[in-house]
N, C-alpha and C. Protein backbone atom coordinates (compact mmCIF):
# COMPACT_ATOMS: atom_id res chain seq x y z
N MET A 1 51.34 7.33 22.98
CA MET A 1 52.51 6.89 23.02
C MET A 1 51.92 5.23 21.35
N ALA A 2 53.05 5.07 21.09
CA ALA A 2 53.45 4.92 20.11
C ALA A 2 52.66 2.78 20.46
N MET A 3 51.94 1.97 19.70
CA MET A 3 51.82 0.28 20.36
C MET A 3 52.19 -0.47 18.98
N ASN A 4 52.73 -1.64 19.15
CA ASN A 4 52.49 -2.05 18.01
C ASN A 4 52.22 -3.67 18.62
N PRO A 5 51.20 -4.76 18.32
CA PRO A 5 51.05 -5.57 18.46
C PRO A 5 51.90 -6.61 19.38
N GLU A 6 53.17 -6.27 19.27
CA GLU A 6 53.57 -7.20 19.63
C GLU A 6 54.17 -6.75 20.51
N GLU A 7 53.85 -5.73 21.48
CA GLU A 7 54.00 -4.87 22.77
C GLU A 7 53.17 -5.65 24.17
N VAL A 8 52.20 -5.76 23.10
CA VAL A 8 50.64 -6.42 23.55
C VAL A 8 50.19 -7.48 23.87
N VAL A 9 50.60 -8.95 22.96
CA VAL A 9 51.17 -10.19 23.50
C VAL A 9 52.68 -10.46 24.96
N ASN A 10 53.07 -9.28 24.40
CA ASN A 10 55.23 -9.57 25.13
C ASN A 10 53.68 -8.96 27.01
N LYS A 11 53.01 -8.23 27.18
CA LYS A 11 52.65 -7.62 28.00
C LYS A 11 52.84 -8.51 29.76
N ARG A 12 53.07 -8.45 30.11
CA ARG A 12 53.25 -8.87 31.30
C ARG A 12 52.84 -8.86 32.89
N PHE A 13 51.55 -8.70 33.84
CA PHE A 13 51.48 -8.05 34.40
C PHE A 13 51.77 -9.06 36.22
N SER A 14 52.23 -7.93 36.74
CA SER A 14 52.82 -8.65 38.14
C SER A 14 50.96 -9.10 39.09
N ALA A 15 51.62 -10.43 39.41
CA ALA A 15 50.77 -11.23 40.35
C ALA A 15 50.39 -9.73 42.26
N THR A 16 48.50 -10.15 41.89
CA THR A 16 48.74 -9.28 43.16
C THR A 16 48.86 -9.99 44.72
N LYS A 17 48.94 -9.53 45.80
CA LYS A 17 49.82 -9.89 47.17
C LYS A 17 48.86 -10.07 48.07
N PHE A 18 47.56 -8.72 47.99
CA PHE A 18 47.72 -8.49 49.14
C PHE A 18 45.74 -8.80 48.57
N ARG A 19 45.78 -8.82 47.04
CA ARG A 19 43.94 -8.81 47.32
C ARG A 19 43.71 -10.45 45.77
N GLN A 20 42.80 -10.60 45.09
CA GLN A 20 42.46 -11.08 43.90
C GLN A 20 42.80 -10.20 43.21
N GLY A 21 43.21 -10.63 41.97
CA GLY A 21 43.42 -10.03 40.60
C GLY A 21 42.30 -9.92 39.86
N TYR A 22 42.56 -9.89 39.33
CA TYR A 22 41.83 -9.60 37.62
C TYR A 22 41.52 -11.74 36.77
N ASP A 23 40.65 -12.03 36.39
CA ASP A 23 40.79 -13.45 35.84
C ASP A 23 41.53 -13.05 34.51
N GLU A 24 42.43 -13.86 35.21
CA GLU A 24 43.25 -13.54 33.70
C GLU A 24 43.21 -14.28 32.46
N GLU A 25 42.38 -15.67 32.22
CA GLU A 25 41.41 -15.64 30.58
C GLU A 25 41.17 -15.11 30.09
N GLU A 26 39.65 -13.78 31.39
CA GLU A 26 39.55 -12.70 30.76
C GLU A 26 40.03 -11.49 30.23
N VAL A 27 41.40 -11.59 31.13
CA VAL A 27 42.59 -11.00 30.43
C VAL A 27 43.27 -11.13 28.77
N ASP A 28 43.32 -12.19 29.15
CA ASP A 28 43.68 -12.94 28.11
C ASP A 28 43.38 -12.84 26.83
N GLU A 29 41.68 -13.09 26.85
CA GLU A 29 41.26 -12.81 25.99
C GLU A 29 40.66 -11.66 25.41
N PHE A 30 40.77 -10.53 26.13
CA PHE A 30 40.67 -9.14 26.04
C PHE A 30 41.61 -8.43 24.76
N LEU A 31 43.28 -8.49 25.92
CA LEU A 31 44.29 -8.72 25.08
C LEU A 31 44.50 -9.27 23.36
N ASP A 32 43.95 -11.14 22.99
CA ASP A 32 43.95 -11.23 21.75
C ASP A 32 43.15 -10.22 21.39
N GLU A 33 41.66 -9.21 21.83
CA GLU A 33 41.31 -8.90 20.98
C GLU A 33 41.48 -7.84 20.53
N VAL A 34 41.96 -7.04 21.48
CA VAL A 34 43.59 -5.53 21.36
C VAL A 34 44.53 -6.23 19.98
N VAL A 35 44.80 -7.13 20.18
CA VAL A 35 45.74 -7.41 19.18
C VAL A 35 45.57 -7.61 17.90
N SER A 36 44.36 -7.80 17.45
CA SER A 36 43.76 -8.58 16.20
C SER A 36 43.39 -6.63 15.83
N GLU A 37 42.84 -6.26 16.51
CA GLU A 37 42.77 -4.55 16.36
C GLU A 37 43.26 -4.27 14.90
N LEU A 38 44.84 -4.63 16.34
CA LEU A 38 46.57 -2.95 16.09
C LEU A 38 46.43 -3.63 14.65
N ARG A 39 46.40 -4.82 15.30
CA ARG A 39 47.55 -5.64 13.26
C ARG A 39 46.38 -4.60 12.28
N ARG A 40 44.28 -4.69 12.25
CA ARG A 40 44.35 -4.60 11.51
C ARG A 40 44.27 -3.24 10.84
N LEU A 41 44.10 -2.11 12.36
CA LEU A 41 44.36 -1.12 12.17
C LEU A 41 45.74 -0.59 11.75
N ASN A 42 46.95 -1.14 12.20
CA ASN A 42 48.20 -1.05 11.23
C ASN A 42 47.78 -1.59 9.83
N GLY A 43 47.29 -2.63 9.33
CA GLY A 43 47.60 -2.66 8.13
C GLY A 43 46.78 -1.78 6.94
N ALA A 44 45.58 -1.07 8.21
CA ALA A 44 44.50 -0.27 7.37
C ALA A 44 45.60 1.08 7.61
N ASN A 45 46.57 1.30 7.97
CA ASN A 45 47.28 2.73 8.23
C ASN A 45 47.79 2.18 7.16
N GLU A 46 48.63 1.12 6.78
CA GLU A 46 49.77 1.18 5.89
C GLU A 46 49.24 1.09 3.97
N GLU A 47 48.41 0.88 4.02
CA GLU A 47 47.23 1.12 3.36
C GLU A 47 47.18 2.40 2.43
N LEU A 48 46.86 2.83 3.79
CA LEU A 48 45.86 4.71 3.56
C LEU A 48 47.80 5.45 3.35
N ARG A 49 48.78 5.05 3.96
CA ARG A 49 49.73 5.50 3.53
C ARG A 49 50.50 5.03 2.11
N THR A 50 50.37 3.75 1.25
CA THR A 50 50.52 3.14 0.52
C THR A 50 48.91 4.50 -0.63
N LYS A 51 48.01 4.81 -0.38
CA LYS A 51 47.07 5.64 -0.88
C LYS A 51 47.90 6.77 -1.10
N LEU A 52 48.05 7.23 0.08
CA LEU A 52 48.74 8.67 0.48
C LEU A 52 49.48 9.33 -0.71
N SER A 53 50.31 8.24 -0.51
CA SER A 53 52.14 7.97 -1.00
C SER A 53 51.66 8.64 -2.94
N ALA A 54 50.90 6.91 -3.24
CA ALA A 54 50.64 7.18 -5.25
C ALA A 54 50.17 9.09 -5.46
N CYS A 55 48.75 9.42 -3.98
CA CYS A 55 48.14 10.61 -4.32
C CYS A 55 49.29 11.14 -4.71
N GLU A 56 50.36 11.95 -3.80
CA GLU A 56 50.79 12.42 -3.96
C GLU A 56 52.04 13.36 -4.81
N SER A 57 51.83 11.30 -5.63
CA SER A 57 53.14 10.97 -6.77
C SER A 57 52.16 12.28 -7.86
N ARG A 58 51.01 11.55 -7.84
CA ARG A 58 49.87 11.74 -8.82
C ARG A 58 50.31 13.21 -9.31
N VAL A 59 49.67 13.45 -7.85
CA VAL A 59 49.55 15.81 -8.10
C VAL A 59 50.86 16.30 -8.80
N ALA A 60 52.23 16.15 -7.77
CA ALA A 60 53.41 16.18 -8.32
C ALA A 60 53.37 16.11 -9.45
N GLU A 61 52.80 14.81 -10.23
CA GLU A 61 53.05 14.68 -11.78
C GLU A 61 52.31 16.17 -12.40
N LEU A 62 51.30 15.98 -12.12
CA LEU A 62 49.98 17.15 -12.78
C LEU A 62 50.78 18.75 -12.92
N SER A 63 51.31 18.83 -11.76
CA SER A 63 51.66 20.16 -11.23
C SER A 63 52.96 19.93 -12.38
N ARG A 64 53.81 19.65 -12.44
CA ARG A 64 54.96 19.27 -13.22
C ARG A 64 54.22 19.75 -15.05
N SER A 65 53.41 19.13 -15.25
CA SER A 65 52.94 18.80 -16.24
C SER A 65 52.35 19.73 -16.57
N SER A 66 51.10 21.13 -16.07
CA SER A 66 50.47 22.17 -15.94
C SER A 66 51.20 23.29 -15.50
N SER A 67 52.62 22.87 -15.06
CA SER A 67 52.94 23.95 -15.55
C SER A 67 53.76 24.22 -16.71
N ARG A 68 54.54 22.50 -17.37
CA ARG A 68 54.76 23.05 -19.03
C ARG A 68 53.55 23.95 -20.10
N ALA A 69 52.85 23.65 -19.13
CA ALA A 69 51.37 23.26 -20.48
C ALA A 69 51.63 25.06 -20.37
N GLU A 70 50.95 25.17 -22.13
CA GLU A 70 50.78 26.65 -22.04
C GLU A 70 49.52 27.23 -20.91
N PRO A 71 49.10 28.71 -20.11
CA PRO A 71 48.86 29.25 -19.34
C PRO A 71 47.06 28.80 -20.86
N ALA A 72 45.71 29.37 -20.60
CA ALA A 72 44.48 28.87 -21.52
C ALA A 72 44.92 30.11 -21.17
N THR A 73 44.03 30.93 -22.23
CA THR A 73 43.89 32.20 -22.06
C THR A 73 42.25 32.29 -22.26
N ALA A 74 41.71 33.40 -21.42
CA ALA A 74 39.93 33.33 -20.76
C ALA A 74 39.29 33.32 -21.78
N ALA A 75 38.08 33.44 -22.36
CA ALA A 75 37.42 34.61 -23.77
C ALA A 75 36.58 35.52 -23.01
N PRO A 76 36.99 36.38 -23.09
CA PRO A 76 35.71 37.76 -22.56
C PRO A 76 34.41 37.42 -22.14
N VAL A 77 33.59 38.04 -21.55
CA VAL A 77 32.35 37.43 -21.10
C VAL A 77 31.96 38.09 -21.35
N ALA A 78 30.51 38.36 -21.93
CA ALA A 78 30.18 39.51 -22.63
C ALA A 78 28.76 39.36 -21.25
N PRO A 79 29.02 40.86 -21.66
CA PRO A 79 27.72 40.87 -20.15
C PRO A 79 26.27 39.87 -20.58
N VAL A 80 25.05 40.13 -20.55
CA VAL A 80 23.80 39.42 -19.90
C VAL A 80 22.87 40.60 -20.42
N VAL A 81 22.11 40.59 -22.31
CA VAL A 81 21.63 42.21 -21.41
C VAL A 81 19.63 41.48 -21.47
N ALA A 82 18.55 42.28 -20.33
CA ALA A 82 17.12 41.70 -20.56
C ALA A 82 17.26 42.04 -21.10
N PRO A 83 16.04 41.31 -21.39
CA PRO A 83 15.37 41.19 -22.77
C PRO A 83 13.68 42.93 -22.46
């Protein structure tokens, strides 16, 4: 399930009728931590996507340039003779 920080901020819980629920302040503090971490992770994810895109572009560029270059011929390998 994809989630963004705004969904966490806007999440509302219904009140309990028959028993005591969680400490609202504690839940709010936890949700603040979750939002902060989601924002950090989303930023890191976007940064990684940008880097990946740049790397993919570079690979494509190198592939194009290597296909245009003449193939190198390998020199024959001489056998090693023991003394």
